Amino acid sequence: TGRTTIEATTAANESGDVLYSGRLTGERQIRANLTANSALGLDWRDYTGSDGHDMILSAEAGLTWWLNRYAGLTTRVRTEKLTSNLPGRDYTANSVYLGLKVQR
């Protein structure tokens, strides 16, 4: 999927930015009660009124173990890397999520 978002700013006399986002996702049923999913993402943030920009690359993978047809235990690992031409903004973040998925 792709999306373009106009983002405002909260600082006076400053312009906002335009965020271009793209995601590629997939899901596969491994067993009757186990589902795997993955996603790759690319975001480009272009700051209006300056030559500043950020690029965010992300990747994640997860599993859901279904307890019954309505509830499942879910886990996901994610990594995200931001690179910017603005000083001091670069970072890499790694996350692990655990949760409960409920559907009807």
N, C-alpha and C. Protein backbone atom coordinates (compact mmCIF):
# COMPACT_ATOMS: atom_id res chain seq x y z
N THR A 1 0.84 -1.18 0.00
CA THR A 1 0.00 0.00 0.00
C THR A 1 0.88 1.24 0.00
N GLY A 2 0.36 2.31 -0.49
CA GLY A 2 1.08 3.57 -0.50
C GLY A 2 0.18 4.69 0.00
N ARG A 3 0.81 5.71 0.56
CA ARG A 3 0.03 6.81 1.12
C ARG A 3 0.88 8.07 1.13
N THR A 4 0.25 9.21 0.90
CA THR A 4 0.89 10.52 1.03
C THR A 4 0.11 11.30 2.07
N THR A 5 0.83 11.87 3.05
CA THR A 5 0.19 12.60 4.15
C THR A 5 0.84 13.97 4.27
N ILE A 6 0.00 15.01 4.38
CA ILE A 6 0.48 16.36 4.66
C ILE A 6 0.44 16.52 6.18
N GLU A 7 1.59 16.76 6.79
CA GLU A 7 1.67 16.89 8.25
C GLU A 7 1.93 18.34 8.63
N ALA A 8 1.17 18.82 9.60
CA ALA A 8 1.32 20.19 10.09
C ALA A 8 2.41 20.24 11.15
N THR A 9 2.76 21.45 11.56
CA THR A 9 3.74 21.64 12.62
C THR A 9 3.09 22.39 13.77
N THR A 10 3.66 22.27 14.94
CA THR A 10 3.14 23.01 16.10
C THR A 10 4.00 24.23 16.41
N ALA A 11 5.10 24.41 15.68
CA ALA A 11 5.99 25.56 15.91
C ALA A 11 5.53 26.75 15.07
N ALA A 12 5.52 27.92 15.66
CA ALA A 12 5.10 29.13 14.96
C ALA A 12 6.09 29.46 13.84
N ASN A 13 5.57 29.95 12.73
CA ASN A 13 6.36 30.37 11.57
C ASN A 13 7.20 29.25 10.96
N GLU A 14 6.79 28.02 11.14
CA GLU A 14 7.47 26.87 10.55
C GLU A 14 6.51 26.14 9.62
N SER A 15 7.05 25.62 8.53
CA SER A 15 6.24 24.83 7.61
C SER A 15 6.18 23.39 8.11
N GLY A 16 5.21 22.65 7.63
CA GLY A 16 5.09 21.24 7.98
C GLY A 16 5.94 20.38 7.06
N ASP A 17 5.46 19.18 6.79
CA ASP A 17 6.18 18.28 5.90
C ASP A 17 5.20 17.41 5.14
N VAL A 18 5.73 16.74 4.13
CA VAL A 18 4.96 15.78 3.34
C VAL A 18 5.59 14.41 3.59
N LEU A 19 4.76 13.44 3.99
CA LEU A 19 5.24 12.09 4.28
C LEU A 19 4.72 11.14 3.21
N TYR A 20 5.65 10.50 2.51
CA TYR A 20 5.32 9.48 1.51
C TYR A 20 5.63 8.12 2.15
N SER A 21 4.64 7.23 2.19
CA SER A 21 4.79 5.93 2.86
C SER A 21 4.46 4.80 1.91
N GLY A 22 5.21 3.72 2.01
CA GLY A 22 4.93 2.52 1.25
C GLY A 22 5.12 1.29 2.14
N ARG A 23 4.21 0.33 2.04
CA ARG A 23 4.28 -0.90 2.84
C ARG A 23 4.01 -2.11 1.94
N LEU A 24 4.77 -3.15 2.18
CA LEU A 24 4.57 -4.44 1.52
C LEU A 24 4.37 -5.45 2.64
N THR A 25 3.20 -6.09 2.68
CA THR A 25 2.87 -7.00 3.78
C THR A 25 2.49 -8.38 3.23
N GLY A 26 2.68 -9.38 4.06
CA GLY A 26 2.29 -10.74 3.70
C GLY A 26 1.88 -11.52 4.93
N GLU A 27 0.98 -12.49 4.72
CA GLU A 27 0.52 -13.34 5.82
C GLU A 27 0.35 -14.75 5.28
N ARG A 28 0.73 -15.72 6.10
CA ARG A 28 0.64 -17.12 5.69
C ARG A 28 0.21 -17.97 6.87
N GLN A 29 -0.73 -18.88 6.60
CA GLN A 29 -1.16 -19.83 7.63
C GLN A 29 -0.21 -21.02 7.58
N ILE A 30 0.54 -21.21 8.67
CA ILE A 30 1.52 -22.29 8.74
C ILE A 30 0.85 -23.60 9.15
N ARG A 31 0.01 -23.53 10.17
CA ARG A 31 -0.81 -24.65 10.62
C ARG A 31 -2.21 -24.12 10.87
N ALA A 32 -3.11 -24.99 11.26
CA ALA A 32 -4.49 -24.56 11.50
C ALA A 32 -4.58 -23.51 12.60
N ASN A 33 -3.65 -23.55 13.56
CA ASN A 33 -3.71 -22.60 14.68
C ASN A 33 -2.49 -21.68 14.75
N LEU A 34 -1.72 -21.56 13.66
CA LEU A 34 -0.51 -20.72 13.67
C LEU A 34 -0.42 -19.93 12.37
N THR A 35 -0.36 -18.60 12.51
CA THR A 35 -0.28 -17.70 11.37
C THR A 35 0.99 -16.86 11.47
N ALA A 36 1.71 -16.72 10.36
CA ALA A 36 2.90 -15.87 10.31
C ALA A 36 2.61 -14.65 9.45
N ASN A 37 3.26 -13.53 9.80
CA ASN A 37 3.11 -12.33 8.99
C ASN A 37 4.43 -11.58 8.94
N SER A 38 4.57 -10.77 7.90
CA SER A 38 5.79 -9.96 7.76
C SER A 38 5.44 -8.67 7.03
N ALA A 39 6.31 -7.67 7.18
CA ALA A 39 6.08 -6.38 6.53
C ALA A 39 7.42 -5.69 6.30
N LEU A 40 7.50 -4.99 5.17
CA LEU A 40 8.62 -4.13 4.85
C LEU A 40 8.06 -2.74 4.60
N GLY A 41 8.75 -1.71 5.06
CA GLY A 41 8.25 -0.36 4.89
C GLY A 41 9.33 0.62 4.48
N LEU A 42 8.92 1.64 3.74
CA LEU A 42 9.79 2.74 3.36
C LEU A 42 8.99 4.03 3.49
N ASP A 43 9.50 4.97 4.29
CA ASP A 43 8.88 6.28 4.46
C ASP A 43 9.89 7.34 4.06
N TRP A 44 9.40 8.38 3.39
CA TRP A 44 10.23 9.52 3.02
C TRP A 44 9.51 10.77 3.50
N ARG A 45 10.14 11.51 4.39
CA ARG A 45 9.55 12.76 4.92
C ARG A 45 10.33 13.92 4.34
N ASP A 46 9.62 14.80 3.61
CA ASP A 46 10.22 15.97 2.96
C ASP A 46 9.73 17.21 3.69
N TYR A 47 10.66 17.93 4.32
CA TYR A 47 10.29 19.12 5.09
C TYR A 47 10.07 20.30 4.15
N THR A 48 8.88 20.88 4.20
CA THR A 48 8.50 21.98 3.33
C THR A 48 9.28 23.23 3.73
N GLY A 49 9.78 23.95 2.73
CA GLY A 49 10.48 25.20 3.01
C GLY A 49 11.95 25.03 3.35
N SER A 50 12.47 23.80 3.31
CA SER A 50 13.90 23.57 3.55
C SER A 50 14.33 22.38 2.71
N ASP A 51 15.62 22.09 2.71
CA ASP A 51 16.09 20.92 1.96
C ASP A 51 16.19 19.69 2.87
N GLY A 52 15.59 19.75 4.06
CA GLY A 52 15.64 18.64 5.00
C GLY A 52 14.74 17.48 4.59
N HIS A 53 15.22 16.27 4.83
CA HIS A 53 14.41 15.08 4.58
C HIS A 53 14.88 13.94 5.48
N ASP A 54 13.96 13.01 5.74
CA ASP A 54 14.23 11.79 6.50
C ASP A 54 13.83 10.59 5.66
N MET A 55 14.56 9.50 5.79
CA MET A 55 14.18 8.23 5.19
C MET A 55 14.12 7.19 6.30
N ILE A 56 13.00 6.47 6.38
CA ILE A 56 12.80 5.46 7.41
C ILE A 56 12.59 4.11 6.73
N LEU A 57 13.45 3.16 7.02
CA LEU A 57 13.31 1.78 6.55
C LEU A 57 12.87 0.93 7.73
N SER A 58 11.90 0.04 7.51
CA SER A 58 11.44 -0.82 8.60
C SER A 58 11.18 -2.24 8.08
N ALA A 59 11.33 -3.20 8.99
CA ALA A 59 11.04 -4.60 8.69
C ALA A 59 10.50 -5.23 9.96
N GLU A 60 9.51 -6.12 9.81
CA GLU A 60 8.97 -6.82 10.97
C GLU A 60 8.48 -8.20 10.57
N ALA A 61 8.44 -9.08 11.56
CA ALA A 61 7.94 -10.44 11.39
C ALA A 61 7.20 -10.82 12.66
N GLY A 62 6.12 -11.59 12.50
CA GLY A 62 5.33 -11.95 13.66
C GLY A 62 4.65 -13.29 13.51
N LEU A 63 4.16 -13.80 14.63
CA LEU A 63 3.41 -15.06 14.69
C LEU A 63 2.18 -14.86 15.57
N THR A 64 1.10 -15.52 15.20
CA THR A 64 -0.10 -15.57 16.04
C THR A 64 -0.47 -17.03 16.24
N TRP A 65 -0.54 -17.43 17.50
CA TRP A 65 -0.96 -18.78 17.87
C TRP A 65 -2.40 -18.67 18.35
N TRP A 66 -3.32 -19.22 17.57
CA TRP A 66 -4.75 -19.11 17.84
C TRP A 66 -5.16 -20.12 18.91
N LEU A 67 -5.72 -19.61 20.01
CA LEU A 67 -6.23 -20.45 21.09
C LEU A 67 -7.57 -21.05 20.71
N ASN A 68 -8.39 -20.28 20.02
CA ASN A 68 -9.66 -20.72 19.46
C ASN A 68 -9.95 -19.81 18.27
N ARG A 69 -11.14 -19.84 17.73
CA ARG A 69 -11.40 -19.03 16.53
C ARG A 69 -11.53 -17.54 16.82
N TYR A 70 -11.59 -17.15 18.08
CA TYR A 70 -11.80 -15.75 18.45
C TYR A 70 -10.60 -15.07 19.10
N ALA A 71 -9.64 -15.81 19.63
CA ALA A 71 -8.53 -15.19 20.38
C ALA A 71 -7.21 -15.90 20.07
N GLY A 72 -6.15 -15.10 20.00
CA GLY A 72 -4.83 -15.66 19.75
C GLY A 72 -3.75 -14.86 20.45
N LEU A 73 -2.67 -15.54 20.82
CA LEU A 73 -1.49 -14.88 21.37
C LEU A 73 -0.61 -14.47 20.21
N THR A 74 -0.16 -13.23 20.23
CA THR A 74 0.61 -12.72 19.10
C THR A 74 1.94 -12.15 19.58
N THR A 75 2.95 -12.27 18.73
CA THR A 75 4.26 -11.70 19.00
C THR A 75 4.80 -11.11 17.69
N ARG A 76 5.62 -10.08 17.82
CA ARG A 76 6.17 -9.42 16.64
C ARG A 76 7.53 -8.82 16.99
N VAL A 77 8.48 -8.95 16.09
CA VAL A 77 9.78 -8.27 16.23
C VAL A 77 9.88 -7.26 15.09
N ARG A 78 10.47 -6.10 15.40
CA ARG A 78 10.51 -5.01 14.42
C ARG A 78 11.84 -4.27 14.54
N THR A 79 12.37 -3.87 13.41
CA THR A 79 13.53 -2.98 13.38
C THR A 79 13.20 -1.79 12.49
N GLU A 80 13.73 -0.64 12.88
CA GLU A 80 13.46 0.60 12.15
C GLU A 80 14.74 1.43 12.13
N LYS A 81 15.08 1.96 10.96
CA LYS A 81 16.29 2.78 10.83
C LYS A 81 15.92 4.09 10.14
N LEU A 82 16.21 5.20 10.81
CA LEU A 82 15.97 6.53 10.24
C LEU A 82 17.31 7.15 9.88
N THR A 83 17.41 7.62 8.65
CA THR A 83 18.57 8.40 8.23
C THR A 83 18.06 9.75 7.73
N SER A 84 18.80 10.80 8.05
CA SER A 84 18.36 12.16 7.75
C SER A 84 19.55 12.99 7.31
N ASN A 85 19.26 14.03 6.52
CA ASN A 85 20.33 14.98 6.21
C ASN A 85 20.36 16.11 7.24
N LEU A 86 19.50 16.05 8.25
CA LEU A 86 19.52 17.00 9.35
C LEU A 86 20.36 16.41 10.48
N PRO A 87 21.18 17.21 11.14
CA PRO A 87 22.10 16.67 12.16
C PRO A 87 21.37 16.14 13.40
N GLY A 88 21.88 15.02 13.92
CA GLY A 88 21.39 14.47 15.18
C GLY A 88 20.08 13.72 15.11
N ARG A 89 19.59 13.39 13.94
CA ARG A 89 18.29 12.73 13.84
C ARG A 89 18.39 11.23 13.55
N ASP A 90 19.53 10.72 13.13
CA ASP A 90 19.66 9.31 12.76
C ASP A 90 19.49 8.41 13.98
N TYR A 91 18.80 7.29 13.77
CA TYR A 91 18.66 6.30 14.85
C TYR A 91 18.29 4.95 14.27
N THR A 92 18.50 3.92 15.08
CA THR A 92 18.03 2.57 14.81
C THR A 92 17.28 2.10 16.05
N ALA A 93 16.08 1.56 15.85
CA ALA A 93 15.26 1.08 16.97
C ALA A 93 14.85 -0.37 16.70
N ASN A 94 14.96 -1.20 17.72
CA ASN A 94 14.53 -2.59 17.66
C ASN A 94 13.47 -2.80 18.73
N SER A 95 12.39 -3.51 18.38
CA SER A 95 11.27 -3.69 19.30
C SER A 95 10.78 -5.13 19.28
N VAL A 96 10.23 -5.56 20.41
CA VAL A 96 9.56 -6.85 20.52
C VAL A 96 8.20 -6.59 21.14
N TYR A 97 7.16 -7.09 20.51
CA TYR A 97 5.79 -6.90 20.99
C TYR A 97 5.19 -8.25 21.36
N LEU A 98 4.43 -8.28 22.43
CA LEU A 98 3.65 -9.45 22.84
C LEU A 98 2.23 -8.96 23.08
N GLY A 99 1.24 -9.76 22.66
CA GLY A 99 -0.11 -9.29 22.87
C GLY A 99 -1.15 -10.36 22.66
N LEU A 100 -2.38 -9.93 22.74
CA LEU A 100 -3.55 -10.79 22.56
C LEU A 100 -4.38 -10.21 21.43
N LYS A 101 -4.70 -11.03 20.44
CA LYS A 101 -5.52 -10.61 19.32
C LYS A 101 -6.90 -11.22 19.50
N VAL A 102 -7.92 -10.38 19.42
CA VAL A 102 -9.30 -10.82 19.57
C VAL A 102 -10.05 -10.42 18.31
N GLN A 103 -10.81 -11.34 17.75
CA GLN A 103 -11.61 -11.05 16.56
C GLN A 103 -12.99 -11.67 16.70
N ARG A 104 -13.88 -11.15 15.92
CA ARG A 104 -15.24 -11.65 16.00
C ARG A 104 -15.74 -12.02 14.64
